[in-house]
Amino acid sequence: MAESCLFYYITDRRAFPGDQLAQRRRLLEKISEAARAGVNYIQLREKDLATRDLESLASEAVNIIREARLATGNRQLTTALLINSRTDVAIATETDGVHLRSDDISPQEVRRIWGAGNADCGRGRLARSLPPQPPMIAVSCHSPAEVAQAAASGGTFAVFGPVFQKKDTAPAGLASLREACQSTIPVLALGGVTLSNARSCLEAGAAGIAAIRLFQDNDIAAVVNQLRSNN
Protein backbone atom coordinates (compact mmCIF):
# COMPACT_ATOMS: atom_id res chain seq x y z
CA MET A 1 0.00 0.00 0.00
CA ALA A 2 1.26 3.39 -0.91
CA GLU A 3 2.56 5.96 1.51
CA SER A 4 -0.17 8.27 0.24
CA CYS A 5 -2.96 6.01 1.52
CA LEU A 6 -5.54 8.18 3.29
CA PHE A 7 -7.03 7.31 6.68
CA TYR A 8 -10.45 8.38 7.92
CA TYR A 9 -11.38 7.69 11.54
CA ILE A 10 -15.12 7.83 12.30
CA THR A 11 -15.86 8.32 15.97
CA ASP A 12 -18.36 6.48 18.18
CA ARG A 13 -17.92 7.42 21.82
CA ARG A 14 -20.79 5.17 22.91
CA ALA A 15 -18.73 2.12 21.98
CA PHE A 16 -16.37 2.88 24.87
CA PRO A 17 -17.12 1.45 28.32
CA GLY A 18 -18.17 3.53 31.29
CA ASP A 19 -20.50 6.42 31.90
CA GLN A 20 -20.90 9.45 29.64
CA LEU A 21 -17.95 11.32 31.11
CA ALA A 22 -15.69 8.29 30.78
CA GLN A 23 -16.78 7.77 27.17
CA ARG A 24 -16.16 11.43 26.33
CA ARG A 25 -12.71 11.35 27.92
CA ARG A 26 -11.78 8.15 26.10
CA LEU A 27 -12.97 9.57 22.79
CA LEU A 28 -10.84 12.69 23.16
CA GLU A 29 -7.84 10.50 24.01
CA LYS A 30 -8.49 8.51 20.82
CA ILE A 31 -8.74 11.71 18.76
CA SER A 32 -5.36 12.79 20.12
CA GLU A 33 -3.94 9.35 19.32
CA ALA A 34 -5.28 9.55 15.77
CA ALA A 35 -3.82 13.02 15.20
CA ARG A 36 -0.40 11.97 16.51
CA ALA A 37 -0.46 8.89 14.26
CA GLY A 38 -1.04 11.03 11.18
CA VAL A 39 -4.63 10.06 10.43
CA ASN A 40 -5.77 12.40 7.65
CA TYR A 41 -9.40 12.89 8.63
CA ILE A 42 -11.52 12.46 11.73
CA GLN A 43 -15.30 12.52 11.40
CA LEU A 44 -16.99 13.53 14.65
CA ARG A 45 -20.08 11.33 14.30
CA GLU A 46 -21.84 11.83 17.61
CA LYS A 47 -25.34 12.23 16.23
CA ASP A 48 -27.18 11.87 19.54
CA LEU A 49 -25.63 14.96 21.13
CA ALA A 50 -27.51 18.20 21.57
CA THR A 51 -26.09 21.12 19.61
CA ARG A 52 -24.42 22.73 22.61
CA ASP A 53 -22.78 19.48 23.67
CA LEU A 54 -21.64 18.74 20.13
CA GLU A 55 -20.12 22.22 19.82
CA SER A 56 -18.30 21.76 23.13
CA LEU A 57 -16.93 18.38 22.06
CA ALA A 58 -15.90 19.69 18.63
CA SER A 59 -14.12 22.70 20.13
CA GLU A 60 -12.17 20.50 22.49
CA ALA A 61 -11.30 18.13 19.64
CA VAL A 62 -10.00 21.05 17.56
CA ASN A 63 -7.71 22.10 20.42
CA ILE A 64 -6.51 18.54 20.97
CA ILE A 65 -5.60 18.13 17.31
CA ARG A 66 -3.65 21.40 17.39
CA GLU A 67 -1.88 20.35 20.59
CA ALA A 68 -0.95 16.99 19.08
CA ARG A 69 0.74 18.76 16.19
CA LEU A 70 2.71 21.00 18.54
CA ALA A 71 3.61 18.17 20.91
CA THR A 72 5.09 16.02 18.18
CA GLY A 73 6.91 18.94 16.54
CA ASN A 74 5.82 17.49 13.22
CA ARG A 75 4.44 20.29 11.06
CA GLN A 76 3.41 17.71 8.48
CA LEU A 77 0.60 16.48 10.73
CA THR A 78 -2.50 17.99 9.18
CA THR A 79 -5.41 16.00 10.57
CA ALA A 80 -8.70 17.54 9.44
CA LEU A 81 -11.78 17.42 11.67
CA LEU A 82 -15.16 17.02 9.94
CA ILE A 83 -18.55 17.25 11.64
CA ASN A 84 -21.21 14.75 10.63
CA SER A 85 -24.02 16.54 8.77
CA ARG A 86 -23.88 19.74 10.88
CA THR A 87 -22.53 22.60 8.80
CA ASP A 88 -23.65 25.08 11.46
CA VAL A 89 -21.58 23.36 14.15
CA ALA A 90 -18.58 23.10 11.84
CA ILE A 91 -18.70 26.85 11.20
CA ALA A 92 -19.22 27.73 14.86
CA THR A 93 -16.28 25.62 16.02
CA GLU A 94 -13.99 26.45 13.07
CA THR A 95 -13.47 22.84 12.08
CA ASP A 96 -12.28 21.88 8.61
CA GLY A 97 -15.54 20.78 7.06
CA VAL A 98 -18.43 18.36 7.13
CA HIS A 99 -19.40 14.81 6.28
CA LEU A 100 -22.69 14.56 4.41
CA ARG A 101 -25.08 11.62 4.42
CA SER A 102 -26.13 10.29 1.02
CA ASP A 103 -29.54 11.95 1.49
CA ASP A 104 -28.14 15.18 2.97
CA ILE A 105 -27.97 18.68 1.51
CA SER A 106 -25.67 19.10 -1.48
CA PRO A 107 -22.01 20.11 -1.30
CA GLN A 108 -22.96 23.29 -3.21
CA GLU A 109 -25.38 24.21 -0.43
CA VAL A 110 -22.70 23.55 2.19
CA ARG A 111 -20.35 25.94 0.41
CA ARG A 112 -23.06 28.60 0.24
CA ILE A 113 -23.84 28.26 3.95
CA TRP A 114 -20.13 28.16 4.78
CA GLY A 115 -19.46 31.44 3.04
CA ALA A 116 -22.47 33.16 4.59
CA GLY A 117 -21.84 31.71 8.03
CA ASN A 118 -18.21 32.80 8.15
CA ALA A 119 -19.19 36.29 7.01
CA ASP A 120 -21.73 36.53 9.83
CA CYS A 121 -19.22 35.23 12.38
CA GLY A 122 -16.78 37.95 11.46
CA ARG A 123 -19.16 40.76 12.29
CA GLY A 124 -19.17 40.23 16.02
CA ARG A 125 -15.47 39.64 16.64
CA LEU A 126 -12.06 40.54 15.34
CA ALA A 127 -11.65 39.52 11.72
CA ARG A 128 -9.35 36.59 11.02
CA SER A 129 -5.93 37.48 9.65
CA LEU A 130 -6.65 35.20 6.69
CA PRO A 131 -9.97 34.44 5.03
CA PRO A 132 -11.59 31.10 6.01
CA GLN A 133 -10.55 28.14 3.92
CA PRO A 134 -13.16 26.43 1.75
CA PRO A 135 -14.70 23.48 3.60
CA MET A 136 -13.64 19.90 3.08
CA ILE A 137 -16.77 17.96 2.19
CA ALA A 138 -16.93 14.18 2.47
CA VAL A 139 -20.02 12.47 1.06
CA SER A 140 -21.37 9.05 2.01
CA CYS A 141 -22.03 7.02 -1.13
CA HIS A 142 -23.44 3.54 -1.66
CA SER A 143 -23.18 3.19 -5.44
CA PRO A 144 -20.95 4.39 -8.28
CA ALA A 145 -23.80 6.67 -9.40
CA GLU A 146 -23.84 8.38 -6.01
CA VAL A 147 -20.08 8.88 -6.19
CA ALA A 148 -20.47 10.48 -9.62
CA GLN A 149 -23.15 12.78 -8.23
CA ALA A 150 -20.97 13.73 -5.26
CA ALA A 151 -18.16 14.65 -7.64
CA ALA A 152 -20.45 16.65 -9.92
CA SER A 153 -21.88 18.61 -7.00
CA GLY A 154 -18.52 19.62 -5.57
CA GLY A 155 -17.71 17.02 -2.93
CA THR A 156 -14.07 16.85 -1.86
CA PHE A 157 -14.07 13.07 -1.62
CA ALA A 158 -16.47 10.16 -1.27
CA VAL A 159 -16.72 7.53 1.45
CA PHE A 160 -18.02 4.41 -0.28
CA GLY A 161 -19.56 1.42 1.39
CA PRO A 162 -20.21 -0.94 2.81
CA VAL A 163 -17.61 -2.72 0.72
CA PHE A 164 -17.73 -5.89 2.81
CA GLN A 165 -20.43 -7.54 4.88
CA LYS A 166 -22.13 -5.28 7.40
CA LYS A 167 -24.96 -6.05 9.79
CA ASP A 168 -28.35 -5.86 8.02
CA THR A 169 -26.75 -4.32 4.91
CA ALA A 170 -25.73 -6.11 1.73
CA PRO A 171 -22.12 -5.43 0.76
CA ALA A 172 -21.43 -3.36 -2.35
CA GLY A 173 -18.40 -5.51 -3.14
CA LEU A 174 -15.02 -4.84 -4.66
CA ALA A 175 -16.30 -4.69 -8.24
CA SER A 176 -18.65 -1.85 -7.34
CA LEU A 177 -15.86 -0.12 -5.43
CA ARG A 178 -13.59 -0.44 -8.46
CA GLU A 179 -16.24 1.21 -10.65
CA ALA A 180 -16.80 3.98 -8.08
CA CYS A 181 -13.08 4.70 -8.02
CA GLN A 182 -13.20 5.79 -11.66
CA SER A 183 -14.61 9.07 -10.34
CA THR A 184 -12.78 12.39 -10.52
CA ILE A 185 -12.68 12.65 -6.71
CA PRO A 186 -10.87 10.35 -4.25
CA VAL A 187 -12.91 7.44 -2.93
CA LEU A 188 -12.31 5.91 0.50
CA ALA A 189 -13.47 2.37 1.28
CA LEU A 190 -15.76 1.81 4.27
CA GLY A 191 -17.57 -1.13 5.82
CA GLY A 192 -16.04 -4.30 7.19
CA VAL A 193 -12.52 -3.20 6.30
CA THR A 194 -9.80 -4.97 8.29
CA LEU A 195 -6.04 -5.22 8.20
CA SER A 196 -6.36 -8.40 6.15
CA ASN A 197 -8.69 -7.09 3.43
CA ALA A 198 -7.67 -3.43 3.22
CA ARG A 199 -5.12 -4.21 0.50
CA SER A 200 -7.86 -5.43 -1.83
CA CYS A 201 -9.65 -2.09 -1.46
CA LEU A 202 -6.58 -0.10 -2.46
CA GLU A 203 -5.89 -2.50 -5.33
CA ALA A 204 -9.43 -1.73 -6.52
CA GLY A 205 -8.49 1.94 -6.68
CA ALA A 206 -9.53 3.30 -3.30
CA ALA A 207 -7.53 6.32 -2.16
CA GLY A 208 -7.75 5.22 1.43
CA ILE A 209 -9.59 3.49 4.26
CA ALA A 210 -12.45 4.77 6.42
CA ALA A 211 -13.47 2.92 9.58
CA ILE A 212 -14.75 3.08 13.11
CA ARG A 213 -13.58 -0.11 14.79
CA LEU A 214 -10.37 -0.59 12.82
CA PHE A 215 -9.06 2.61 14.42
CA GLN A 216 -11.06 2.88 17.61
CA ASP A 217 -10.47 -0.68 18.82
CA ASN A 218 -6.75 -0.82 18.02
CA ASP A 219 -3.50 1.07 18.45
CA ILE A 220 -3.94 3.62 15.66
CA ALA A 221 -0.23 4.19 15.01
CA ALA A 222 0.26 0.43 14.61
CA VAL A 223 -2.69 0.23 12.16
CA VAL A 224 -1.40 3.15 10.09
CA ASN A 225 2.15 1.83 10.02
CA GLN A 226 1.08 -1.68 9.06
CA LEU A 227 -1.19 -0.53 6.25
CA ARG A 228 1.41 1.81 4.83
CA SER A 229 4.19 -0.79 5.02
CA ASN A 230 2.27 -3.63 3.36
CA ASN A 231 3.12 -2.75 -0.24
C-alpha atoms as a PDB file:
ATOM      1  CA  MET A   1       0.000   0.000   0.000  1.00  0.00           C
ATOM      2  CA  ALA A   2       1.259   3.393  -0.914  1.00  0.00           C
ATOM      3  CA  GLU A   3       2.560   5.963   1.510  1.00  0.00           C
ATOM      4  CA  SER A   4      -0.171   8.267   0.242  1.00  0.00           C
ATOM      5  CA  CYS A   5      -2.964   6.010   1.521  1.00  0.00           C
ATOM      6  CA  LEU A   6      -5.543   8.182   3.293  1.00  0.00           C
ATOM      7  CA  PHE A   7      -7.027   7.311   6.685  1.00  0.00           C
ATOM      8  CA  TYR A   8     -10.451   8.385   7.920  1.00  0.00           C
ATOM      9  CA  TYR A   9     -11.384   7.693  11.544  1.00  0.00           C
ATOM     10  CA  ILE A  10     -15.119   7.834  12.301  1.00  0.00           C
ATOM     11  CA  THR A  11     -15.859   8.317  15.973  1.00  0.00           C
ATOM     12  CA  ASP A  12     -18.361   6.482  18.179  1.00  0.00           C
ATOM     13  CA  ARG A  13     -17.919   7.418  21.815  1.00  0.00           C
ATOM     14  CA  ARG A  14     -20.790   5.173  22.910  1.00  0.00           C
ATOM     15  CA  ALA A  15     -18.729   2.116  21.985  1.00  0.00           C
ATOM     16  CA  PHE A  16     -16.367   2.880  24.867  1.00  0.00           C
ATOM     17  CA  PRO A  17     -17.124   1.445  28.315  1.00  0.00           C
ATOM     18  CA  GLY A  18     -18.171   3.530  31.289  1.00  0.00           C
ATOM     19  CA  ASP A  19     -20.498   6.421  31.898  1.00  0.00           C
ATOM     20  CA  GLN A  20     -20.899   9.445  29.637  1.00  0.00           C
ATOM     21  CA  LEU A  21     -17.946  11.316  31.114  1.00  0.00           C
ATOM     22  CA  ALA A  22     -15.688   8.287  30.776  1.00  0.00           C
ATOM     23  CA  GLN A  23     -16.777   7.772  27.173  1.00  0.00           C
ATOM     24  CA  ARG A  24     -16.159  11.425  26.335  1.00  0.00           C
ATOM     25  CA  ARG A  25     -12.715  11.346  27.920  1.00  0.00           C
ATOM     26  CA  ARG A  26     -11.780   8.146  26.102  1.00  0.00           C
ATOM     27  CA  LEU A  27     -12.968   9.565  22.786  1.00  0.00           C
ATOM     28  CA  LEU A  28     -10.840  12.691  23.165  1.00  0.00           C
ATOM     29  CA  GLU A  29      -7.840  10.500  24.005  1.00  0.00           C
ATOM     30  CA  LYS A  30      -8.488   8.512  20.820  1.00  0.00           C
ATOM     31  CA  ILE A  31      -8.738  11.708  18.759  1.00  0.00           C
ATOM     32  CA  SER A  32      -5.362  12.793  20.117  1.00  0.00           C
ATOM     33  CA  GLU A  33      -3.940   9.347  19.319  1.00  0.00           C
ATOM     34  CA  ALA A  34      -5.277   9.553  15.767  1.00  0.00           C
ATOM     35  CA  ALA A  35      -3.820  13.016  15.198  1.00  0.00           C
ATOM     36  CA  ARG A  36      -0.404  11.970  16.505  1.00  0.00           C
ATOM     37  CA  ALA A  37      -0.463   8.891  14.262  1.00  0.00           C
ATOM     38  CA  GLY A  38      -1.038  11.025  11.176  1.00  0.00           C
ATOM     39  CA  VAL A  39      -4.634  10.063  10.427  1.00  0.00           C
ATOM     40  CA  ASN A  40      -5.766  12.397   7.649  1.00  0.00           C
ATOM     41  CA  TYR A  41      -9.396  12.891   8.627  1.00  0.00           C
ATOM     42  CA  ILE A  42     -11.522  12.458  11.730  1.00  0.00           C
ATOM     43  CA  GLN A  43     -15.295  12.518  11.404  1.00  0.00           C
ATOM     44  CA  LEU A  44     -16.992  13.528  14.649  1.00  0.00           C
ATOM     45  CA  ARG A  45     -20.079  11.329  14.297  1.00  0.00           C
ATOM     46  CA  GLU A  46     -21.841  11.825  17.611  1.00  0.00           C
ATOM     47  CA  LYS A  47     -25.338  12.231  16.226  1.00  0.00           C
ATOM     48  CA  ASP A  48     -27.179  11.866  19.536  1.00  0.00           C
ATOM     49  CA  LEU A  49     -25.626  14.960  21.130  1.00  0.00           C
ATOM     50  CA  ALA A  50     -27.512  18.205  21.573  1.00  0.00           C
ATOM     51  CA  THR A  51     -26.095  21.118  19.607  1.00  0.00           C
ATOM     52  CA  ARG A  52     -24.424  22.733  22.609  1.00  0.00           C
ATOM     53  CA  ASP A  53     -22.785  19.475  23.674  1.00  0.00           C
ATOM     54  CA  LEU A  54     -21.637  18.741  20.128  1.00  0.00           C
ATOM     55  CA  GLU A  55     -20.120  22.217  19.822  1.00  0.00           C
ATOM     56  CA  SER A  56     -18.300  21.756  23.131  1.00  0.00           C
ATOM     57  CA  LEU A  57     -16.927  18.380  22.057  1.00  0.00           C
ATOM     58  CA  ALA A  58     -15.899  19.686  18.633  1.00  0.00           C
ATOM     59  CA  SER A  59     -14.118  22.702  20.126  1.00  0.00           C
ATOM     60  CA  GLU A  60     -12.166  20.496  22.487  1.00  0.00           C
ATOM     61  CA  ALA A  61     -11.302  18.132  19.639  1.00  0.00           C
ATOM     62  CA  VAL A  62     -10.000  21.052  17.560  1.00  0.00           C
ATOM     63  CA  ASN A  63      -7.713  22.099  20.417  1.00  0.00           C
ATOM     64  CA  ILE A  64      -6.510  18.537  20.973  1.00  0.00           C
ATOM     65  CA  ILE A  65      -5.600  18.131  17.310  1.00  0.00           C
ATOM     66  CA  ARG A  66      -3.649  21.396  17.394  1.00  0.00           C
ATOM     67  CA  GLU A  67      -1.882  20.352  20.594  1.00  0.00           C
ATOM     68  CA  ALA A  68      -0.949  16.991  19.083  1.00  0.00           C
ATOM     69  CA  ARG A  69       0.738  18.756  16.190  1.00  0.00           C
ATOM     70  CA  LEU A  70       2.713  21.000  18.538  1.00  0.00           C
ATOM     71  CA  ALA A  71       3.606  18.172  20.911  1.00  0.00           C
ATOM     72  CA  THR A  72       5.093  16.024  18.179  1.00  0.00           C
ATOM     73  CA  GLY A  73       6.911  18.935  16.544  1.00  0.00           C
ATOM     74  CA  ASN A  74       5.818  17.489  13.222  1.00  0.00           C
ATOM     75  CA  ARG A  75       4.439  20.294  11.065  1.00  0.00           C
ATOM     76  CA  GLN A  76       3.409  17.714   8.483  1.00  0.00           C
ATOM     77  CA  LEU A  77       0.603  16.480  10.729  1.00  0.00           C
ATOM     78  CA  THR A  78      -2.495  17.986   9.180  1.00  0.00           C
ATOM     79  CA  THR A  79      -5.411  16.003  10.569  1.00  0.00           C
ATOM     80  CA  ALA A  80      -8.704  17.543   9.445  1.00  0.00           C
ATOM     81  CA  LEU A  81     -11.781  17.419  11.671  1.00  0.00           C
ATOM     82  CA  LEU A  82     -15.156  17.024   9.937  1.00  0.00           C
ATOM     83  CA  ILE A  83     -18.551  17.246  11.636  1.00  0.00           C
ATOM     84  CA  ASN A  84     -21.205  14.748  10.633  1.00  0.00           C
ATOM     85  CA  SER A  85     -24.020  16.542   8.774  1.00  0.00           C
ATOM     86  CA  ARG A  86     -23.878  19.738  10.878  1.00  0.00           C
ATOM     87  CA  THR A  87     -22.527  22.602   8.800  1.00  0.00           C
ATOM     88  CA  ASP A  88     -23.653  25.078  11.461  1.00  0.00           C
ATOM     89  CA  VAL A  89     -21.582  23.361  14.146  1.00  0.00           C
ATOM     90  CA  ALA A  90     -18.579  23.098  11.841  1.00  0.00           C
ATOM     91  CA  ILE A  91     -18.696  26.853  11.197  1.00  0.00           C
ATOM     92  CA  ALA A  92     -19.222  27.727  14.860  1.00  0.00           C
ATOM     93  CA  THR A  93     -16.278  25.624  16.021  1.00  0.00           C
ATOM     94  CA  GLU A  94     -13.988  26.449  13.069  1.00  0.00           C
ATOM     95  CA  THR A  95     -13.467  22.841  12.077  1.00  0.00           C
ATOM     96  CA  ASP A  96     -12.277  21.877   8.610  1.00  0.00           C
ATOM     97  CA  GLY A  97     -15.538  20.784   7.062  1.00  0.00           C
ATOM     98  CA  VAL A  98     -18.435  18.365   7.129  1.00  0.00           C
ATOM     99  CA  HIS A  99     -19.399  14.811   6.281  1.00  0.00           C
ATOM    100  CA  LEU A 100     -22.694  14.556   4.412  1.00  0.00           C
ATOM    101  CA  ARG A 101     -25.084  11.622   4.416  1.00  0.00           C
ATOM    102  CA  SER A 102     -26.128  10.289   1.017  1.00  0.00           C
ATOM    103  CA  ASP A 103     -29.543  11.953   1.490  1.00  0.00           C
ATOM    104  CA  ASP A 104     -28.140  15.180   2.966  1.00  0.00           C
ATOM    105  CA  ILE A 105     -27.970  18.676   1.510  1.00  0.00           C
ATOM    106  CA  SER A 106     -25.669  19.102  -1.481  1.00  0.00           C
ATOM    107  CA  PRO A 107     -22.014  20.115  -1.299  1.00  0.00           C
ATOM    108  CA  GLN A 108     -22.956  23.289  -3.212  1.00  0.00           C
ATOM    109  CA  GLU A 109     -25.376  24.207  -0.426  1.00  0.00           C
ATOM    110  CA  VAL A 110     -22.702  23.553   2.190  1.00  0.00           C
ATOM    111  CA  ARG A 111     -20.347  25.944   0.406  1.00  0.00           C
ATOM    112  CA  ARG A 112     -23.062  28.601   0.239  1.00  0.00           C
ATOM    113  CA  ILE A 113     -23.841  28.262   3.952  1.00  0.00           C
ATOM    114  CA  TRP A 114     -20.130  28.156   4.784  1.00  0.00           C
ATOM    115  CA  GLY A 115     -19.455  31.443   3.040  1.00  0.00           C
ATOM    116  CA  ALA A 116     -22.469  33.162   4.594  1.00  0.00           C
ATOM    117  CA  GLY A 117     -21.835  31.705   8.031  1.00  0.00           C
ATOM    118  CA  ASN A 118     -18.213  32.799   8.150  1.00  0.00           C
ATOM    119  CA  ALA A 119     -19.193  36.294   7.011  1.00  0.00           C
ATOM    120  CA  ASP A 120     -21.728  36.532   9.831  1.00  0.00           C
ATOM    121  CA  CYS A 121     -19.218  35.232  12.384  1.00  0.00           C
ATOM    122  CA  GLY A 122     -16.777  37.947  11.457  1.00  0.00           C
ATOM    123  CA  ARG A 123     -19.161  40.762  12.294  1.00  0.00           C
ATOM    124  CA  GLY A 124     -19.168  40.228  16.024  1.00  0.00           C
ATOM    125  CA  ARG A 125     -15.466  39.636  16.639  1.00  0.00           C
ATOM    126  CA  LEU A 126     -12.061  40.540  15.337  1.00  0.00           C
ATOM    127  CA  ALA A 127     -11.649  39.518  11.720  1.00  0.00           C
ATOM    128  CA  ARG A 128      -9.355  36.593  11.025  1.00  0.00           C
ATOM    129  CA  SER A 129      -5.927  37.483   9.648  1.00  0.00           C
ATOM    130  CA  LEU A 130      -6.647  35.199   6.693  1.00  0.00           C
ATOM    131  CA  PRO A 131      -9.968  34.436   5.033  1.00  0.00           C
ATOM    132  CA  PRO A 132     -11.587  31.104   6.006  1.00  0.00           C
ATOM    133  CA  GLN A 133     -10.551  28.140   3.916  1.00  0.00           C
ATOM    134  CA  PRO A 134     -13.160  26.427   1.749  1.00  0.00           C
ATOM    135  CA  PRO A 135     -14.704  23.480   3.598  1.00  0.00           C
ATOM    136  CA  MET A 136     -13.637  19.903   3.083  1.00  0.00           C
ATOM    137  CA  ILE A 137     -16.766  17.959   2.190  1.00  0.00           C
ATOM    138  CA  ALA A 138     -16.931  14.176   2.472  1.00  0.00           C
ATOM    139  CA  VAL A 139     -20.019  12.469   1.057  1.00  0.00           C
ATOM    140  CA  SER A 140     -21.369   9.049   2.011  1.00  0.00           C
ATOM    141  CA  CYS A 141     -22.026   7.021  -1.134  1.00  0.00           C
ATOM    142  CA  HIS A 142     -23.437   3.536  -1.665  1.00  0.00           C
ATOM    143  CA  SER A 143     -23.181   3.186  -5.440  1.00  0.00           C
ATOM    144  CA  PRO A 144     -20.952   4.387  -8.283  1.00  0.00           C
ATOM    145  CA  ALA A 145     -23.798   6.666  -9.400  1.00  0.00           C
ATOM    146  CA  GLU A 146     -23.838   8.385  -6.008  1.00  0.00           C
ATOM    147  CA  VAL A 147     -20.084   8.885  -6.188  1.00  0.00           C
ATOM    148  CA  ALA A 148     -20.469  10.476  -9.618  1.00  0.00           C
ATOM    149  CA  GLN A 149     -23.151  12.784  -8.234  1.00  0.00           C
ATOM    150  CA  ALA A 150     -20.972  13.731  -5.263  1.00  0.00           C
ATOM    151  CA  ALA A 151     -18.163  14.651  -7.638  1.00  0.00           C
ATOM    152  CA  ALA A 152     -20.449  16.650  -9.923  1.00  0.00           C
ATOM    153  CA  SER A 153     -21.885  18.606  -7.003  1.00  0.00           C
ATOM    154  CA  GLY A 154     -18.516  19.623  -5.573  1.00  0.00           C
ATOM    155  CA  GLY A 155     -17.713  17.023  -2.928  1.00  0.00           C
ATOM    156  CA  THR A 156     -14.070  16.854  -1.861  1.00  0.00           C
ATOM    157  CA  PHE A 157     -14.067  13.068  -1.615  1.00  0.00           C
ATOM    158  CA  ALA A 158     -16.474  10.163  -1.270  1.00  0.00           C
ATOM    159  CA  VAL A 159     -16.719   7.530   1.453  1.00  0.00           C
ATOM    160  CA  PHE A 160     -18.025   4.408  -0.281  1.00  0.00           C
ATOM    161  CA  GLY A 161     -19.562   1.417   1.387  1.00  0.00           C
ATOM    162  CA  PRO A 162     -20.212  -0.939   2.814  1.00  0.00           C
ATOM    163  CA  VAL A 163     -17.609  -2.721   0.718  1.00  0.00           C
ATOM    164  CA  PHE A 164     -17.726  -5.889   2.812  1.00  0.00           C
ATOM    165  CA  GLN A 165     -20.426  -7.536   4.880  1.00  0.00           C
ATOM    166  CA  LYS A 166     -22.130  -5.282   7.403  1.00  0.00           C
ATOM    167  CA  LYS A 167     -24.961  -6.046   9.791  1.00  0.00           C
ATOM    168  CA  ASP A 168     -28.346  -5.855   8.019  1.00  0.00           C
ATOM    169  CA  THR A 169     -26.748  -4.316   4.905  1.00  0.00           C
ATOM    170  CA  ALA A 170     -25.735  -6.114   1.733  1.00  0.00           C
ATOM    171  CA  PRO A 171     -22.118  -5.431   0.762  1.00  0.00           C
ATOM    172  CA  ALA A 172     -21.429  -3.361  -2.353  1.00  0.00           C
ATOM    173  CA  GLY A 173     -18.396  -5.506  -3.139  1.00  0.00           C
ATOM    174  CA  LEU A 174     -15.017  -4.841  -4.664  1.00  0.00           C
ATOM    175  CA  ALA A 175     -16.297  -4.691  -8.237  1.00  0.00           C
ATOM    176  CA  SER A 176     -18.646  -1.849  -7.338  1.00  0.00           C
ATOM    177  CA  LEU A 177     -15.857  -0.123  -5.426  1.00  0.00           C
ATOM    178  CA  ARG A 178     -13.594  -0.441  -8.461  1.00  0.00           C
ATOM    179  CA  GLU A 179     -16.241   1.205 -10.645  1.00  0.00           C
ATOM    180  CA  ALA A 180     -16.798   3.980  -8.082  1.00  0.00           C
ATOM    181  CA  CYS A 181     -13.080   4.705  -8.020  1.00  0.00           C
ATOM    182  CA  GLN A 182     -13.197   5.787 -11.660  1.00  0.00           C
ATOM    183  CA  SER A 183     -14.613   9.071 -10.339  1.00  0.00           C
ATOM    184  CA  THR A 184     -12.777  12.387 -10.517  1.00  0.00           C
ATOM    185  CA  ILE A 185     -12.677  12.655  -6.710  1.00  0.00           C
ATOM    186  CA  PRO A 186     -10.870  10.353  -4.248  1.00  0.00           C
ATOM    187  CA  VAL A 187     -12.909   7.437  -2.933  1.00  0.00           C
ATOM    188  CA  LEU A 188     -12.308   5.913   0.503  1.00  0.00           C
ATOM    189  CA  ALA A 189     -13.473   2.371   1.278  1.00  0.00           C
ATOM    190  CA  LEU A 190     -15.758   1.807   4.275  1.00  0.00           C
ATOM    191  CA  GLY A 191     -17.568  -1.129   5.816  1.00  0.00           C
ATOM    192  CA  GLY A 192     -16.036  -4.302   7.195  1.00  0.00           C
ATOM    193  CA  VAL A 193     -12.518  -3.195   6.304  1.00  0.00           C
ATOM    194  CA  THR A 194      -9.796  -4.974   8.293  1.00  0.00           C
ATOM    195  CA  LEU A 195      -6.037  -5.220   8.204  1.00  0.00           C
ATOM    196  CA  SER A 196      -6.357  -8.401   6.152  1.00  0.00           C
ATOM    197  CA  ASN A 197      -8.689  -7.088   3.434  1.00  0.00           C
ATOM    198  CA  ALA A 198      -7.668  -3.428   3.219  1.00  0.00           C
ATOM    199  CA  ARG A 199      -5.119  -4.211   0.504  1.00  0.00           C
ATOM    200  CA  SER A 200      -7.858  -5.426  -1.835  1.00  0.00           C
ATOM    201  CA  CYS A 201      -9.654  -2.086  -1.459  1.00  0.00           C
ATOM    202  CA  LEU A 202      -6.575  -0.103  -2.460  1.00  0.00           C
ATOM    203  CA  GLU A 203      -5.887  -2.501  -5.325  1.00  0.00           C
ATOM    204  CA  ALA A 204      -9.434  -1.733  -6.519  1.00  0.00           C
ATOM    205  CA  GLY A 205      -8.491   1.938  -6.681  1.00  0.00           C
ATOM    206  CA  ALA A 206      -9.528   3.302  -3.298  1.00  0.00           C
ATOM    207  CA  ALA A 207      -7.531   6.323  -2.162  1.00  0.00           C
ATOM    208  CA  GLY A 208      -7.753   5.220   1.426  1.00  0.00           C
ATOM    209  CA  ILE A 209      -9.591   3.487   4.257  1.00  0.00           C
ATOM    210  CA  ALA A 210     -12.450   4.765   6.415  1.00  0.00           C
ATOM    211  CA  ALA A 211     -13.470   2.923   9.579  1.00  0.00           C
ATOM    212  CA  ILE A 212     -14.751   3.082  13.112  1.00  0.00           C
ATOM    213  CA  ARG A 213     -13.584  -0.114  14.793  1.00  0.00           C
ATOM    214  CA  LEU A 214     -10.373  -0.585  12.820  1.00  0.00           C
ATOM    215  CA  PHE A 215      -9.064   2.606  14.420  1.00  0.00           C
ATOM    216  CA  GLN A 216     -11.063   2.876  17.609  1.00  0.00           C
ATOM    217  CA  ASP A 217     -10.466  -0.684  18.824  1.00  0.00           C
ATOM    218  CA  ASN A 218      -6.747  -0.818  18.016  1.00  0.00           C
ATOM    219  CA  ASP A 219      -3.497   1.069  18.447  1.00  0.00           C
ATOM    220  CA  ILE A 220      -3.938   3.619  15.663  1.00  0.00           C
ATOM    221  CA  ALA A 221      -0.235   4.189  15.015  1.00  0.00           C
ATOM    222  CA  ALA A 222       0.257   0.434  14.607  1.00  0.00           C
ATOM    223  CA  VAL A 223      -2.690   0.230  12.157  1.00  0.00           C
ATOM    224  CA  VAL A 224      -1.401   3.152  10.090  1.00  0.00           C
ATOM    225  CA  ASN A 225       2.152   1.827  10.018  1.00  0.00           C
ATOM    226  CA  GLN A 226       1.078  -1.680   9.063  1.00  0.00           C
ATOM    227  CA  LEU A 227      -1.192  -0.525   6.248  1.00  0.00           C
ATOM    228  CA  ARG A 228       1.414   1.811   4.829  1.00  0.00           C
ATOM    229  CA  SER A 229       4.186  -0.787   5.021  1.00  0.00           C
ATOM    230  CA  ASN A 230       2.267  -3.626   3.363  1.00  0.00           C
ATOM    231  CA  ASN A 231       3.118  -2.747  -0.236  1.00  0.00           C
END
